[in-house]
Amino acid sequence: MFLIRPAAHFDDVAAVLNPSGNERACWCLAYRVTSAEYSALRGEDRAERVRGLCADQPAPGVLAYDGDTPAGWCGVSPRSSMERLKRSRTMPPLDDLPVWSVVCFVVRAPYRRQGVLAELLAGAVDYARSCGAPAVEGYPVDTEGARISSSAAHVGTTTLFEAAGFERIRPTEARADRRVRWLMRLDLR
């Protein structure tokens, strides 16, 4: 069992999202900023952008902890705060409901295959609910029963979201490992 907390401590976020100090790390910014800003941000500038997000409310996601050790990350925020997602042609909004969006999962290697993803998703839903979200969306990949690359799995899988009570709403034009990503939603009202 892992403790799930809002990602308010930058050093803990960094321990999961960029433990090796990779200059090219995404830092879960791909959907949060415009394409131009994402391309312009490099290395420490990306880290500083995330440091700022961690200092704001709501937090940019939730972390899973094993004791005091950060074990995993789930990026979740209001869709309206995610610049690239707001303008997405491959994953357009379903309606005007001010949903929160789950966009990314990262689990540190020693904690994989221990149920951390399910706990992170449940924690993300709880956090969104505590912040007044009327619904939470995800855009996971349908693996169609096949193994997919870990880089494609960072968005989660439809089976993970279905197990958490999310419903498939519609397929999107987005792909991961050449497989369809679905818009899935959990109503919190």
Protein backbone atom coordinates (compact mmCIF):
# COMPACT_ATOMS: atom_id res chain seq x y z
CA MET A 1 0.00 0.00 0.00
CA PHE A 2 1.35 3.37 -1.04
CA LEU A 3 0.50 6.79 0.34
CA ILE A 4 -0.75 9.19 -2.36
CA ARG A 5 -0.16 12.93 -1.88
CA PRO A 6 -0.44 16.05 -4.05
CA ALA A 7 2.89 16.78 -5.75
CA ALA A 8 3.87 19.84 -3.76
CA HIS A 9 7.56 19.03 -3.19
CA PHE A 10 9.68 19.60 -6.28
CA ASP A 11 12.56 17.38 -5.12
CA ASP A 12 10.18 14.42 -4.81
CA VAL A 13 8.74 15.12 -8.29
CA ALA A 14 12.27 15.32 -9.70
CA ALA A 15 13.18 11.99 -8.06
CA VAL A 16 10.46 10.32 -10.15
CA LEU A 17 10.37 12.36 -13.37
CA ASN A 18 14.08 12.90 -13.85
CA PRO A 19 16.18 10.89 -11.39
CA SER A 20 19.27 10.90 -13.65
CA GLY A 21 19.23 14.61 -14.50
CA ASN A 22 18.59 14.00 -18.21
CA GLU A 23 18.65 17.30 -20.14
CA ARG A 24 15.92 16.03 -22.49
CA ALA A 25 13.48 14.82 -19.82
CA CYS A 26 9.84 15.67 -20.54
CA TRP A 27 9.00 16.59 -16.92
CA CYS A 28 5.32 15.94 -17.79
CA LEU A 29 5.20 19.30 -19.57
CA ALA A 30 4.21 18.11 -23.06
CA TYR A 31 0.50 18.81 -22.55
CA ARG A 32 0.88 21.64 -20.03
CA VAL A 33 2.59 24.21 -22.24
CA THR A 34 2.27 25.23 -25.87
CA SER A 35 4.30 23.35 -28.47
CA ALA A 36 6.49 26.43 -28.97
CA GLU A 37 7.18 26.77 -25.24
CA TYR A 38 7.90 23.05 -24.90
CA SER A 39 10.43 23.25 -27.75
CA ALA A 40 12.04 26.35 -26.24
CA LEU A 41 12.34 24.92 -22.72
CA ARG A 42 15.46 22.83 -22.21
CA GLY A 43 17.24 21.23 -19.28
CA GLU A 44 17.08 23.35 -16.16
CA ASP A 45 14.41 25.62 -17.68
CA ARG A 46 12.01 22.66 -17.79
CA ALA A 47 12.88 21.79 -14.21
CA GLU A 48 12.25 25.38 -13.12
CA ARG A 49 8.88 25.41 -14.89
CA VAL A 50 7.85 22.30 -12.92
CA ARG A 51 9.24 23.79 -9.70
CA GLY A 52 6.85 26.69 -10.24
CA LEU A 53 3.93 24.35 -10.89
CA CYS A 54 4.65 22.50 -7.64
CA ALA A 55 4.54 25.78 -5.73
CA ASP A 56 1.08 26.64 -7.15
CA GLN A 57 -2.36 25.32 -6.34
CA PRO A 58 -3.62 22.98 -7.49
CA ALA A 59 -0.53 20.79 -7.60
CA PRO A 60 0.37 19.46 -11.07
CA GLY A 61 -0.25 15.87 -10.05
CA VAL A 62 0.04 13.31 -7.30
CA LEU A 63 2.91 11.20 -6.03
CA ALA A 64 2.89 7.69 -4.58
CA TYR A 65 5.16 7.23 -1.57
CA ASP A 66 6.69 4.13 -0.05
CA GLY A 67 7.33 5.58 3.40
CA ASP A 68 9.23 8.79 2.62
CA THR A 69 10.45 7.56 -0.79
CA PRO A 70 8.65 8.80 -3.90
CA ALA A 71 7.71 5.76 -5.97
CA GLY A 72 5.48 7.08 -8.76
CA TRP A 73 3.80 10.05 -10.40
CA CYS A 74 0.45 10.79 -12.02
CA GLY A 75 0.04 14.08 -13.85
CA VAL A 76 -3.48 15.42 -13.28
CA SER A 77 -4.79 18.97 -13.54
CA PRO A 78 -7.73 20.91 -14.90
CA ARG A 79 -7.85 20.42 -18.67
CA SER A 80 -8.22 24.20 -18.95
CA SER A 81 -4.69 24.61 -17.52
CA MET A 82 -3.09 22.34 -20.12
CA GLU A 83 -2.28 24.60 -23.06
CA ARG A 84 -1.45 21.94 -25.62
CA LEU A 85 -4.33 19.71 -24.61
CA LYS A 86 -6.78 22.62 -24.86
CA ARG A 87 -5.81 23.02 -28.53
CA SER A 88 -5.52 19.34 -29.39
CA ARG A 89 -7.07 18.31 -32.69
CA THR A 90 -6.46 14.62 -31.99
CA MET A 91 -8.07 14.73 -28.53
CA PRO A 92 -10.63 17.54 -28.68
CA PRO A 93 -12.81 18.27 -25.65
CA LEU A 94 -16.03 16.33 -25.37
CA ASP A 95 -18.06 19.25 -24.00
CA ASP A 96 -17.75 22.39 -21.86
CA LEU A 97 -17.63 20.57 -18.52
CA PRO A 98 -14.54 21.79 -16.58
CA VAL A 99 -12.97 18.33 -16.34
CA TRP A 100 -9.59 17.43 -14.94
CA SER A 101 -7.27 15.40 -17.17
CA VAL A 102 -4.92 12.55 -16.33
CA VAL A 103 -2.05 12.81 -18.82
CA CYS A 104 0.92 10.86 -17.53
CA PHE A 105 2.12 8.07 -15.27
CA VAL A 106 5.69 7.30 -14.22
CA VAL A 107 6.63 4.55 -11.77
CA ARG A 108 10.22 4.10 -10.62
CA ALA A 109 11.69 0.73 -11.59
CA PRO A 110 11.83 -0.87 -8.11
CA TYR A 111 8.08 -0.27 -7.68
CA ARG A 112 6.74 -1.57 -10.98
CA ARG A 113 4.24 -4.45 -11.03
CA GLN A 114 3.11 -3.65 -7.47
CA GLY A 115 -0.20 -1.92 -8.22
CA VAL A 116 1.21 1.60 -8.04
CA LEU A 117 -0.59 2.73 -11.22
CA ALA A 118 -4.01 1.81 -9.83
CA GLU A 119 -3.25 3.60 -6.56
CA LEU A 120 -1.98 6.66 -8.44
CA LEU A 121 -5.11 6.81 -10.58
CA ALA A 122 -7.35 6.46 -7.51
CA GLY A 123 -5.33 9.18 -5.78
CA ALA A 124 -5.58 11.45 -8.82
CA VAL A 125 -9.36 11.04 -8.83
CA ASP A 126 -9.53 11.75 -5.09
CA TYR A 127 -7.37 14.84 -5.50
CA ALA A 128 -9.46 16.16 -8.40
CA ARG A 129 -12.64 15.53 -6.38
CA SER A 130 -11.19 17.39 -3.36
CA CYS A 131 -10.51 20.35 -5.65
CA GLY A 132 -14.10 20.40 -6.91
CA ALA A 133 -13.67 18.67 -10.27
CA PRO A 134 -17.03 17.52 -11.71
CA ALA A 135 -15.34 14.77 -13.74
CA VAL A 136 -11.93 13.31 -14.55
CA GLU A 137 -10.81 12.28 -18.02
CA GLY A 138 -7.98 10.17 -19.29
CA TYR A 139 -6.73 9.42 -22.78
CA PRO A 140 -5.30 5.91 -22.37
CA VAL A 141 -4.22 3.46 -25.02
CA ASP A 142 -6.19 0.32 -25.86
CA THR A 143 -3.48 -2.34 -25.91
CA GLU A 144 -5.85 -4.82 -27.57
CA GLY A 145 -4.30 -7.45 -25.30
CA ALA A 146 -0.79 -6.97 -26.68
CA ARG A 147 2.37 -5.76 -24.96
CA ILE A 148 3.21 -2.17 -25.77
CA SER A 149 6.34 -0.12 -25.30
CA SER A 150 6.80 1.59 -21.95
CA SER A 151 6.97 4.94 -23.72
CA ALA A 152 3.46 4.32 -25.13
CA ALA A 153 2.15 3.14 -21.76
CA HIS A 154 2.89 6.42 -19.97
CA VAL A 155 -0.70 7.53 -20.75
CA GLY A 156 -2.16 4.47 -19.03
CA THR A 157 -4.24 1.70 -20.53
CA THR A 158 -7.97 1.40 -21.05
CA THR A 159 -8.05 -1.62 -18.71
CA LEU A 160 -6.47 0.44 -15.90
CA PHE A 161 -9.05 3.20 -16.35
CA GLU A 162 -11.97 0.78 -16.67
CA ALA A 163 -10.94 -0.94 -13.42
CA ALA A 164 -11.14 2.51 -11.75
CA GLY A 165 -14.69 3.05 -13.00
CA PHE A 166 -13.98 5.22 -16.05
CA GLU A 167 -16.20 4.74 -19.09
CA ARG A 168 -15.05 4.69 -22.69
CA ILE A 169 -16.62 7.72 -24.35
CA ARG A 170 -15.06 7.79 -27.81
CA PRO A 171 -11.89 6.84 -29.63
CA THR A 172 -9.56 9.75 -30.31
CA GLU A 173 -7.37 10.42 -33.32
CA ALA A 174 -4.31 10.08 -31.05
CA ARG A 175 -2.22 6.92 -31.16
CA ALA A 176 0.30 5.25 -28.88
CA ASP A 177 2.39 2.42 -30.28
CA ARG A 178 0.07 2.57 -33.34
CA ARG A 179 -2.93 1.78 -31.13
CA VAL A 180 -6.01 3.89 -30.46
CA ARG A 181 -6.17 6.17 -27.44
CA TRP A 182 -9.63 6.58 -25.94
CA LEU A 183 -11.27 9.51 -24.24
CA MET A 184 -12.47 7.97 -20.97
CA ARG A 185 -14.39 9.78 -18.26
CA LEU A 186 -15.38 9.31 -14.64
CA ASP A 187 -18.26 11.51 -13.50
CA LEU A 188 -17.74 12.80 -9.94
CA ARG A 189 -21.05 14.63 -9.57
